[in-house]
Amino acid sequence: MSSLKINRQDKNLMRKQLEEILSIQKDLDKKINNYQQESVVEEYRGFWQELGQNNKDSIQRVSRYMVRKCNR
């Protein structure tokens, strides 16, 4: 890991960008859940479930990074 000092302006910009990404990912999570519930075919439901889990993992990853690297 780098111990490079990042200035506050850059941290704030990165945090703003990550917050936008998180918002998009959360909207995507809702759509994935809706599609999974609407699916009749079990194979498709399984795919939506897997896709949703990957998205949740991504949300967690972005959230943790934002807290660690863009703290206020």
C-alpha atoms as a PDB file:
ATOM      1  CA  MET A   1       0.000   0.000   0.000  1.00  0.00           C
ATOM      2  CA  SER A   2       1.110   3.503  -0.738  1.00  0.00           C
ATOM      3  CA  SER A   3       1.620   5.956   2.087  1.00  0.00           C
ATOM      4  CA  LEU A   4       1.470   8.909  -0.280  1.00  0.00           C
ATOM      5  CA  LYS A   5      -0.317  11.918   1.213  1.00  0.00           C
ATOM      6  CA  ILE A   6      -3.402  12.796  -0.825  1.00  0.00           C
ATOM      7  CA  ASN A   7      -4.753  16.312  -0.516  1.00  0.00           C
ATOM      8  CA  ARG A   8      -8.261  16.975   0.750  1.00  0.00           C
ATOM      9  CA  GLN A   9      -9.556  18.329  -2.566  1.00  0.00           C
ATOM     10  CA  ASP A  10      -8.614  15.096  -4.360  1.00  0.00           C
ATOM     11  CA  LYS A  11     -10.134  12.988  -1.583  1.00  0.00           C
ATOM     12  CA  ASN A  12     -13.376  14.950  -1.760  1.00  0.00           C
ATOM     13  CA  LEU A  13     -13.551  14.557  -5.536  1.00  0.00           C
ATOM     14  CA  MET A  14     -12.907  10.816  -5.322  1.00  0.00           C
ATOM     15  CA  ARG A  15     -15.506  10.441  -2.579  1.00  0.00           C
ATOM     16  CA  LYS A  16     -18.087  12.314  -4.673  1.00  0.00           C
ATOM     17  CA  GLN A  17     -17.369  10.072  -7.657  1.00  0.00           C
ATOM     18  CA  LEU A  18     -17.569   6.908  -5.555  1.00  0.00           C
ATOM     19  CA  GLU A  19     -20.849   8.058  -4.008  1.00  0.00           C
ATOM     20  CA  GLU A  20     -22.246   8.406  -7.537  1.00  0.00           C
ATOM     21  CA  ILE A  21     -21.033   4.898  -8.421  1.00  0.00           C
ATOM     22  CA  LEU A  22     -22.599   3.510  -5.227  1.00  0.00           C
ATOM     23  CA  SER A  23     -25.901   5.143  -6.082  1.00  0.00           C
ATOM     24  CA  ILE A  24     -25.850   3.534  -9.537  1.00  0.00           C
ATOM     25  CA  GLN A  25     -24.905   0.158  -8.068  1.00  0.00           C
ATOM     26  CA  LYS A  26     -27.743   0.337  -5.532  1.00  0.00           C
ATOM     27  CA  ASP A  27     -30.219   1.138  -8.303  1.00  0.00           C
ATOM     28  CA  LEU A  28     -28.828  -1.804 -10.261  1.00  0.00           C
ATOM     29  CA  ASP A  29     -29.273  -4.027  -7.209  1.00  0.00           C
ATOM     30  CA  LYS A  30     -32.972  -3.134  -7.096  1.00  0.00           C
ATOM     31  CA  LYS A  31     -33.386  -3.942 -10.804  1.00  0.00           C
ATOM     32  CA  ILE A  32     -31.567  -7.248 -10.453  1.00  0.00           C
ATOM     33  CA  ASN A  33     -33.798  -8.200  -7.507  1.00  0.00           C
ATOM     34  CA  ASN A  34     -36.919  -7.308  -9.493  1.00  0.00           C
ATOM     35  CA  TYR A  35     -35.781  -9.336 -12.501  1.00  0.00           C
ATOM     36  CA  GLN A  36     -34.962 -12.291 -10.281  1.00  0.00           C
ATOM     37  CA  GLN A  37     -38.439 -12.206  -8.731  1.00  0.00           C
ATOM     38  CA  GLU A  38     -40.078 -11.934 -12.156  1.00  0.00           C
ATOM     39  CA  SER A  39     -38.122 -14.850 -13.639  1.00  0.00           C
ATOM     40  CA  VAL A  40     -39.988 -18.110 -13.989  1.00  0.00           C
ATOM     41  CA  VAL A  41     -37.092 -20.220 -15.266  1.00  0.00           C
ATOM     42  CA  GLU A  42     -34.998 -21.513 -12.361  1.00  0.00           C
ATOM     43  CA  GLU A  43     -31.738 -21.225 -14.310  1.00  0.00           C
ATOM     44  CA  TYR A  44     -32.428 -17.534 -14.934  1.00  0.00           C
ATOM     45  CA  ARG A  45     -33.344 -16.943 -11.295  1.00  0.00           C
ATOM     46  CA  GLY A  46     -30.023 -18.498 -10.310  1.00  0.00           C
ATOM     47  CA  PHE A  47     -28.156 -16.249 -12.700  1.00  0.00           C
ATOM     48  CA  TRP A  48     -29.899 -13.141 -11.334  1.00  0.00           C
ATOM     49  CA  GLN A  49     -29.050 -14.286  -7.820  1.00  0.00           C
ATOM     50  CA  GLU A  50     -25.372 -14.720  -8.724  1.00  0.00           C
ATOM     51  CA  LEU A  51     -25.298 -11.375 -10.507  1.00  0.00           C
ATOM     52  CA  GLY A  52     -26.922  -9.715  -7.496  1.00  0.00           C
ATOM     53  CA  GLN A  53     -24.349 -11.215  -5.135  1.00  0.00           C
ATOM     54  CA  ASN A  54     -21.507  -9.977  -7.322  1.00  0.00           C
ATOM     55  CA  ASN A  55     -23.049  -6.507  -7.315  1.00  0.00           C
ATOM     56  CA  LYS A  56     -23.414  -6.577  -3.515  1.00  0.00           C
ATOM     57  CA  ASP A  57     -19.752  -7.583  -3.226  1.00  0.00           C
ATOM     58  CA  SER A  58     -18.820  -4.681  -5.484  1.00  0.00           C
ATOM     59  CA  ILE A  59     -20.885  -2.278  -3.378  1.00  0.00           C
ATOM     60  CA  GLN A  60     -19.052  -3.458  -0.275  1.00  0.00           C
ATOM     61  CA  ARG A  61     -15.673  -3.101  -1.965  1.00  0.00           C
ATOM     62  CA  VAL A  62     -16.383   0.453  -3.119  1.00  0.00           C
ATOM     63  CA  SER A  63     -17.791   1.401   0.300  1.00  0.00           C
ATOM     64  CA  ARG A  64     -14.761   0.062   2.173  1.00  0.00           C
ATOM     65  CA  TYR A  65     -12.363   1.809  -0.198  1.00  0.00           C
ATOM     66  CA  MET A  66     -14.241   5.088   0.170  1.00  0.00           C
ATOM     67  CA  VAL A  67     -14.076   4.886   3.969  1.00  0.00           C
ATOM     68  CA  ARG A  68     -10.390   3.954   4.021  1.00  0.00           C
ATOM     69  CA  LYS A  69      -9.044   6.271   1.338  1.00  0.00           C
ATOM     70  CA  CYS A  70     -11.458   9.201   1.170  1.00  0.00           C
ATOM     71  CA  ASN A  71     -12.208   9.691   4.848  1.00  0.00           C
ATOM     72  CA  ARG A  72     -13.386  13.035   6.097  1.00  0.00           C
END
